[in-house]
Amino acid sequence: MLILSRKENEEILLGNDIKVVVVGIGKGVVKIGIEAPKNMMVLRSELANEIKAKNTEANVSVADESLAELSQKFKK
């Protein structure tokens, strides 16, 4: 991990098309602005983790017995 010190209104460039700006500094909080291409998703890590958990929850496998029961219903 690269650790940089920046003051308010200073920027960090990532590649050619991503800019991170320190917008404000308060008690225990640093506000940052991110300029990135529209096709690049920018998410807070806690939100990304929540989405991942919801997707995993939605992808619950079906028990073999349930598939067998469903198969029998379609055969009738």
Protein backbone atom coordinates (compact mmCIF):
# COMPACT_ATOMS: atom_id res chain seq x y z
CA MET A 1 0.00 0.00 0.00
CA LEU A 2 1.30 3.42 -0.95
CA ILE A 3 0.70 6.01 1.78
CA LEU A 4 0.81 9.69 0.82
CA SER A 5 0.31 12.86 2.82
CA ARG A 6 -1.91 15.49 1.21
CA LYS A 7 -3.26 18.81 2.38
CA GLU A 8 -6.72 20.15 1.65
CA ASN A 9 -7.30 20.75 -2.09
CA GLU A 10 -4.25 18.70 -3.07
CA GLU A 11 -4.66 15.90 -5.60
CA ILE A 12 -3.43 12.42 -6.35
CA LEU A 13 -3.49 11.11 -9.92
CA LEU A 14 -4.09 7.43 -10.68
CA GLY A 15 -3.12 6.63 -14.23
CA ASN A 16 -4.18 9.16 -16.86
CA ASP A 17 -7.85 9.52 -16.04
CA ILE A 18 -8.48 9.22 -12.29
CA LYS A 19 -8.04 12.11 -9.88
CA VAL A 20 -8.49 11.94 -6.09
CA VAL A 21 -8.80 15.31 -4.34
CA VAL A 22 -8.76 16.02 -0.60
CA VAL A 23 -11.88 18.19 -0.42
CA GLY A 24 -12.04 18.76 3.32
CA ILE A 25 -10.46 17.75 6.60
CA GLY A 26 -12.42 17.65 9.86
CA LYS A 27 -12.37 15.94 13.23
CA GLY A 28 -11.71 12.30 12.42
CA VAL A 29 -13.04 12.68 8.87
CA VAL A 30 -11.36 13.34 5.55
CA LYS A 31 -13.63 14.19 2.62
CA ILE A 32 -12.32 13.14 -0.76
CA GLY A 33 -13.54 13.76 -4.26
CA ILE A 34 -12.95 11.26 -7.04
CA GLU A 35 -12.99 12.09 -10.73
CA ALA A 36 -13.08 8.92 -12.82
CA PRO A 37 -14.46 7.81 -16.19
CA LYS A 38 -18.21 7.18 -16.18
CA ASN A 39 -17.66 3.52 -17.06
CA MET A 40 -15.62 2.97 -13.88
CA MET A 41 -17.61 2.05 -10.79
CA VAL A 42 -16.52 3.84 -7.61
CA LEU A 43 -17.95 2.39 -4.37
CA ARG A 44 -17.22 2.67 -0.68
CA SER A 45 -15.79 -0.68 0.45
CA GLU A 46 -18.59 -1.26 2.98
CA LEU A 47 -21.17 -0.84 0.21
CA ALA A 48 -19.26 -3.20 -2.10
CA ASN A 49 -19.11 -5.78 0.72
CA GLU A 50 -22.86 -5.44 1.31
CA ILE A 51 -23.57 -5.97 -2.40
CA LYS A 52 -21.30 -9.01 -2.42
CA ALA A 53 -23.09 -10.48 0.62
CA LYS A 54 -26.53 -9.88 -0.97
CA ASN A 55 -25.40 -11.55 -4.20
CA THR A 56 -24.05 -14.54 -2.28
CA GLU A 57 -27.30 -14.76 -0.31
CA ALA A 58 -29.33 -14.68 -3.53
CA ASN A 59 -27.19 -17.41 -5.06
CA VAL A 60 -28.27 -20.12 -2.59
CA SER A 61 -28.10 -23.56 -4.16
CA VAL A 62 -31.25 -25.67 -4.43
CA ALA A 63 -31.26 -29.02 -2.65
CA ASP A 64 -31.24 -32.12 -4.89
CA GLU A 65 -34.55 -33.27 -3.35
CA SER A 66 -36.24 -30.04 -4.40
CA LEU A 67 -34.99 -30.46 -7.96
CA ALA A 68 -36.25 -34.04 -8.04
CA GLU A 69 -39.69 -32.96 -6.77
CA LEU A 70 -39.87 -30.20 -9.35
CA SER A 71 -38.82 -32.59 -12.08
CA GLN A 72 -41.63 -34.99 -11.15
CA LYS A 73 -44.21 -32.21 -11.34
CA PHE A 74 -43.19 -31.36 -14.90
CA LYS A 75 -43.38 -35.02 -15.96
CA LYS A 76 -47.09 -35.21 -15.06
